[in-house]
N, C-alpha and C. Protein backbone atom coordinates (compact mmCIF):
# COMPACT_ATOMS: atom_id res chain seq x y z
N UNK A 1 0.86 -1.18 0.00
CA UNK A 1 0.00 0.00 0.00
C UNK A 1 0.90 1.23 0.00
N UNK A 2 0.57 2.17 -0.84
CA UNK A 2 1.34 3.40 -0.95
C UNK A 2 0.64 4.49 -0.14
N UNK A 3 1.40 5.09 0.79
CA UNK A 3 0.86 6.18 1.61
C UNK A 3 1.14 7.49 0.90
N UNK A 4 0.08 8.27 0.66
CA UNK A 4 0.25 9.57 0.04
C UNK A 4 -0.42 10.64 0.89
N UNK A 5 -0.43 11.86 0.40
CA UNK A 5 -1.01 12.97 1.17
C UNK A 5 -2.51 12.79 1.41
N UNK A 6 -3.20 12.20 0.45
CA UNK A 6 -4.64 11.97 0.61
C UNK A 6 -4.90 10.97 1.74
N UNK A 7 -4.11 9.90 1.76
CA UNK A 7 -4.24 8.91 2.83
C UNK A 7 -3.94 9.55 4.19
N UNK A 8 -2.89 10.37 4.23
CA UNK A 8 -2.54 11.06 5.47
C UNK A 8 -3.67 11.98 5.92
N UNK A 9 -4.28 12.70 4.99
CA UNK A 9 -5.40 13.57 5.33
C UNK A 9 -6.56 12.78 5.92
N UNK A 10 -6.84 11.62 5.34
CA UNK A 10 -7.95 10.79 5.83
C UNK A 10 -7.65 10.24 7.22
N UNK A 11 -6.42 9.76 7.44
CA UNK A 11 -6.03 9.24 8.76
C UNK A 11 -6.07 10.37 9.78
N UNK A 12 -5.58 11.54 9.40
CA UNK A 12 -5.59 12.69 10.31
C UNK A 12 -7.03 13.08 10.67
N UNK A 13 -7.92 13.01 9.70
CA UNK A 13 -9.32 13.33 9.97
C UNK A 13 -9.94 12.32 10.93
N UNK A 14 -9.68 11.04 10.70
CA UNK A 14 -10.25 10.00 11.56
C UNK A 14 -9.67 10.05 12.97
N UNK A 15 -8.39 10.39 13.08
CA UNK A 15 -7.72 10.42 14.38
C UNK A 15 -7.80 11.80 15.03
N UNK A 16 -8.45 12.74 14.36
CA UNK A 16 -8.57 14.10 14.88
C UNK A 16 -7.19 14.73 15.13
N UNK A 17 -6.30 14.57 14.15
CA UNK A 17 -4.95 15.13 14.24
C UNK A 17 -4.81 16.28 13.25
N UNK A 18 -3.91 17.20 13.56
CA UNK A 18 -3.67 18.34 12.68
C UNK A 18 -2.21 18.32 12.25
N UNK A 19 -1.99 18.07 10.97
CA UNK A 19 -0.65 18.08 10.41
C UNK A 19 -0.56 19.26 9.45
N UNK A 20 -0.31 20.44 9.98
CA UNK A 20 -0.30 21.63 9.13
C UNK A 20 1.09 21.95 8.60
N UNK A 21 2.14 21.55 9.30
CA UNK A 21 3.51 21.83 8.88
C UNK A 21 3.89 20.86 7.75
N UNK A 22 4.34 21.42 6.61
CA UNK A 22 4.67 20.59 5.44
C UNK A 22 5.82 19.63 5.74
N UNK A 23 6.82 20.08 6.49
CA UNK A 23 7.95 19.22 6.83
C UNK A 23 7.49 18.05 7.70
N UNK A 24 6.63 18.34 8.66
CA UNK A 24 6.11 17.29 9.54
C UNK A 24 5.26 16.31 8.73
N UNK A 25 4.48 16.81 7.78
CA UNK A 25 3.64 15.94 6.96
C UNK A 25 4.49 14.95 6.18
N UNK A 26 5.58 15.43 5.60
CA UNK A 26 6.46 14.54 4.84
C UNK A 26 7.08 13.48 5.74
N UNK A 27 7.50 13.87 6.94
CA UNK A 27 8.10 12.92 7.88
C UNK A 27 7.08 11.88 8.30
N UNK A 28 5.84 12.29 8.52
CA UNK A 28 4.79 11.36 8.94
C UNK A 28 4.45 10.39 7.83
N UNK A 29 4.40 10.90 6.59
CA UNK A 29 4.14 10.02 5.45
C UNK A 29 5.24 8.97 5.35
N UNK A 30 6.50 9.37 5.51
CA UNK A 30 7.61 8.42 5.45
C UNK A 30 7.50 7.38 6.57
N UNK A 31 7.19 7.84 7.79
CA UNK A 31 7.06 6.90 8.91
C UNK A 31 5.92 5.92 8.69
N UNK A 32 4.77 6.42 8.22
CA UNK A 32 3.63 5.53 7.97
C UNK A 32 3.97 4.53 6.87
N UNK A 33 4.70 4.97 5.86
CA UNK A 33 5.08 4.07 4.77
C UNK A 33 6.00 2.97 5.28
N UNK A 34 6.92 3.32 6.19
CA UNK A 34 7.81 2.31 6.77
C UNK A 34 7.02 1.28 7.56
N UNK A 35 5.99 1.71 8.29
CA UNK A 35 5.16 0.79 9.06
C UNK A 35 4.43 -0.17 8.11
N UNK A 36 3.83 0.38 7.06
CA UNK A 36 3.10 -0.48 6.11
C UNK A 36 4.04 -1.42 5.38
N UNK A 37 5.24 -0.95 5.05
CA UNK A 37 6.22 -1.83 4.40
C UNK A 37 6.60 -3.00 5.31
N UNK A 38 6.74 -2.71 6.61
CA UNK A 38 7.07 -3.76 7.57
C UNK A 38 5.94 -4.79 7.65
N UNK A 39 4.70 -4.32 7.69
CA UNK A 39 3.56 -5.24 7.76
C UNK A 39 3.49 -6.08 6.49
N UNK A 40 3.74 -5.48 5.36
CA UNK A 40 3.75 -6.24 4.11
C UNK A 40 4.85 -7.30 4.13
N UNK A 41 6.00 -6.98 4.72
CA UNK A 41 7.09 -7.94 4.84
C UNK A 41 6.66 -9.11 5.74
N UNK A 42 5.93 -8.81 6.81
CA UNK A 42 5.43 -9.88 7.68
C UNK A 42 4.45 -10.79 6.96
N UNK A 43 3.69 -10.23 6.03
CA UNK A 43 2.74 -11.04 5.26
C UNK A 43 3.43 -12.05 4.36
N UNK A 44 4.72 -11.87 4.09
CA UNK A 44 5.46 -12.80 3.25
C UNK A 44 5.90 -14.06 4.00
N UNK A 45 5.83 -14.03 5.33
CA UNK A 45 6.28 -15.16 6.14
C UNK A 45 5.31 -16.32 5.99
N UNK A 46 5.85 -17.51 5.77
CA UNK A 46 5.03 -18.72 5.65
C UNK A 46 4.61 -19.18 7.05
N UNK A 47 3.33 -19.11 7.34
CA UNK A 47 2.82 -19.51 8.66
C UNK A 47 2.00 -20.80 8.57
N UNK A 48 2.22 -21.57 7.54
CA UNK A 48 1.51 -22.83 7.39
C UNK A 48 1.81 -23.75 8.58
N UNK A 49 0.77 -24.25 9.23
CA UNK A 49 0.94 -25.16 10.35
C UNK A 49 1.23 -24.48 11.68
N UNK A 50 1.28 -23.17 11.71
CA UNK A 50 1.54 -22.45 12.96
C UNK A 50 0.20 -22.13 13.61
N UNK A 51 0.05 -22.58 14.85
CA UNK A 51 -1.19 -22.32 15.58
C UNK A 51 -1.25 -20.85 16.01
N UNK A 52 -2.44 -20.27 16.02
CA UNK A 52 -2.56 -18.89 16.50
C UNK A 52 -2.13 -18.79 17.97
N UNK A 53 -1.47 -17.70 18.29
CA UNK A 53 -1.00 -17.47 19.65
C UNK A 53 -2.13 -16.82 20.45
N UNK A 54 -2.57 -17.50 21.49
CA UNK A 54 -3.63 -16.95 22.34
C UNK A 54 -3.01 -16.27 23.55
N UNK A 55 -2.03 -16.92 24.17
CA UNK A 55 -1.36 -16.37 25.34
C UNK A 55 0.14 -16.30 25.05
N UNK A 56 0.79 -15.28 25.55
CA UNK A 56 2.23 -15.13 25.33
C UNK A 56 3.03 -16.18 26.08
N UNK A 57 2.49 -16.68 27.17
CA UNK A 57 3.21 -17.65 27.98
C UNK A 57 2.21 -18.59 28.64
N UNK A 58 2.68 -19.73 29.05
CA UNK A 58 1.83 -20.69 29.75
C UNK A 58 1.80 -20.42 31.25
N UNK A 59 2.57 -19.45 31.70
CA UNK A 59 2.66 -19.12 33.12
C UNK A 59 1.31 -18.60 33.64
N UNK A 60 1.07 -18.86 34.90
CA UNK A 60 -0.12 -18.34 35.57
C UNK A 60 0.33 -17.27 36.55
N UNK A 61 -0.49 -16.24 36.75
CA UNK A 61 -0.16 -15.22 37.74
C UNK A 61 -0.18 -15.83 39.13
N UNK A 62 0.82 -15.51 39.89
CA UNK A 62 0.86 -15.95 41.27
C UNK A 62 0.51 -14.74 42.12
N UNK A 63 -0.63 -14.81 42.74
CA UNK A 63 -1.11 -13.67 43.51
C UNK A 63 -0.97 -13.96 45.00
N UNK A 64 -0.65 -12.92 45.73
CA UNK A 64 -0.57 -13.08 47.18
C UNK A 64 -1.94 -12.79 47.78
N UNK A 65 -2.14 -13.25 48.96
CA UNK A 65 -3.39 -12.99 49.68
C UNK A 65 -3.45 -11.50 50.01
N UNK A 66 -4.60 -10.89 49.79
CA UNK A 66 -4.78 -9.48 50.09
C UNK A 66 -5.13 -9.33 51.56
N UNK A 67 -4.16 -8.89 52.33
CA UNK A 67 -4.34 -8.76 53.77
C UNK A 67 -4.14 -7.31 54.16
N UNK A 68 -5.12 -6.73 54.83
CA UNK A 68 -5.01 -5.34 55.30
C UNK A 68 -4.07 -5.30 56.49
N UNK A 69 -3.10 -4.39 56.42
CA UNK A 69 -2.13 -4.24 57.50
C UNK A 69 -2.08 -2.76 57.87
N UNK A 70 -2.20 -2.45 59.14
CA UNK A 70 -2.12 -1.07 59.60
C UNK A 70 -0.65 -0.68 59.64
N UNK A 71 -0.23 0.16 58.68
CA UNK A 71 1.17 0.54 58.58
C UNK A 71 1.48 1.77 59.44
N UNK A 72 0.58 2.78 59.40
CA UNK A 72 0.78 3.97 60.23
C UNK A 72 -0.51 4.29 60.95
N UNK A 73 -0.38 4.99 62.04
CA UNK A 73 -1.57 5.37 62.80
C UNK A 73 -2.21 6.61 62.18
N UNK A 74 -3.42 6.89 62.59
CA UNK A 74 -4.13 8.07 62.11
C UNK A 74 -3.37 9.34 62.49
N UNK A 75 -2.83 9.38 63.67
CA UNK A 75 -2.08 10.55 64.11
C UNK A 75 -0.81 10.74 63.27
N UNK A 76 -0.15 9.65 62.92
CA UNK A 76 1.05 9.76 62.07
C UNK A 76 0.69 10.27 60.68
N UNK A 77 -0.44 9.84 60.15
CA UNK A 77 -0.88 10.29 58.84
C UNK A 77 -1.23 11.77 58.86
N UNK A 78 -1.85 12.23 59.92
CA UNK A 78 -2.27 13.63 60.02
C UNK A 78 -1.12 14.56 60.40
N UNK A 79 -0.01 14.03 60.87
CA UNK A 79 1.09 14.84 61.38
C UNK A 79 1.58 15.86 60.36
N UNK A 80 1.69 15.50 59.08
CA UNK A 80 2.22 16.40 58.06
C UNK A 80 1.14 17.10 57.23
N UNK A 81 -0.11 16.96 57.62
CA UNK A 81 -1.19 17.60 56.88
C UNK A 81 -1.13 19.11 57.08
N UNK A 82 -1.23 19.91 56.01
CA UNK A 82 -1.18 21.35 56.18
C UNK A 82 -2.37 21.90 56.96
N UNK A 83 -3.56 21.33 56.73
CA UNK A 83 -4.76 21.73 57.46
C UNK A 83 -5.48 20.47 57.87
N UNK A 84 -5.81 20.37 59.15
CA UNK A 84 -6.47 19.15 59.62
C UNK A 84 -7.43 19.49 60.73
N UNK A 85 -8.35 18.59 60.96
CA UNK A 85 -9.25 18.64 62.10
C UNK A 85 -8.69 17.59 63.06
N UNK A 86 -9.38 17.28 64.10
CA UNK A 86 -8.85 16.31 65.05
C UNK A 86 -8.65 14.94 64.42
N UNK A 87 -9.53 14.52 63.50
CA UNK A 87 -9.44 13.19 62.91
C UNK A 87 -9.40 13.18 61.39
N UNK A 88 -9.45 14.35 60.72
CA UNK A 88 -9.63 14.38 59.27
C UNK A 88 -8.70 15.39 58.61
N UNK A 89 -8.36 15.14 57.34
CA UNK A 89 -7.70 16.13 56.51
C UNK A 89 -8.75 17.16 56.11
N UNK A 90 -8.40 18.43 56.11
CA UNK A 90 -9.32 19.46 55.63
C UNK A 90 -8.84 19.91 54.26
N UNK A 91 -9.74 19.87 53.30
CA UNK A 91 -9.41 20.26 51.93
C UNK A 91 -10.44 21.26 51.43
N UNK A 92 -10.10 22.07 50.41
CA UNK A 92 -11.08 23.01 49.87
C UNK A 92 -12.27 22.27 49.27
N UNK A 93 -13.43 22.90 49.34
CA UNK A 93 -14.65 22.33 48.76
C UNK A 93 -14.50 22.27 47.24
N UNK A 94 -14.82 21.13 46.66
CA UNK A 94 -14.73 20.96 45.21
C UNK A 94 -16.09 20.78 44.57
N UNK A 95 -17.12 20.55 45.36
CA UNK A 95 -18.47 20.39 44.83
C UNK A 95 -19.35 21.41 45.52
N UNK A 96 -20.07 22.22 44.72
CA UNK A 96 -20.98 23.22 45.29
C UNK A 96 -22.21 22.54 45.83
N UNK A 97 -22.78 23.18 46.85
CA UNK A 97 -24.10 22.71 47.33
C UNK A 97 -25.10 23.13 46.27
N UNK A 98 -25.85 22.20 45.77
CA UNK A 98 -26.72 22.54 44.65
C UNK A 98 -28.07 22.20 44.85
């Protein structure tokens, strides 16, 4: 497939991109052409008898048990707060009463 300015304009429209600089447009066309050339090269590979790859590896995730652990106390957490109440962080209101 040959990438030209018309193809670039269509891709830019679909992707909501703006390629107004002529130098950048030429560089992008060259890059896109290299990508398509690589894909075409991959299409030349004989994959007869090769099963589709579903998983990259046969390994299974080893997950640890999710256990809640109290790392710091409430007082330690509040110690460096710029504004705090006795038990809470005080932050500016972000939602208006409506």
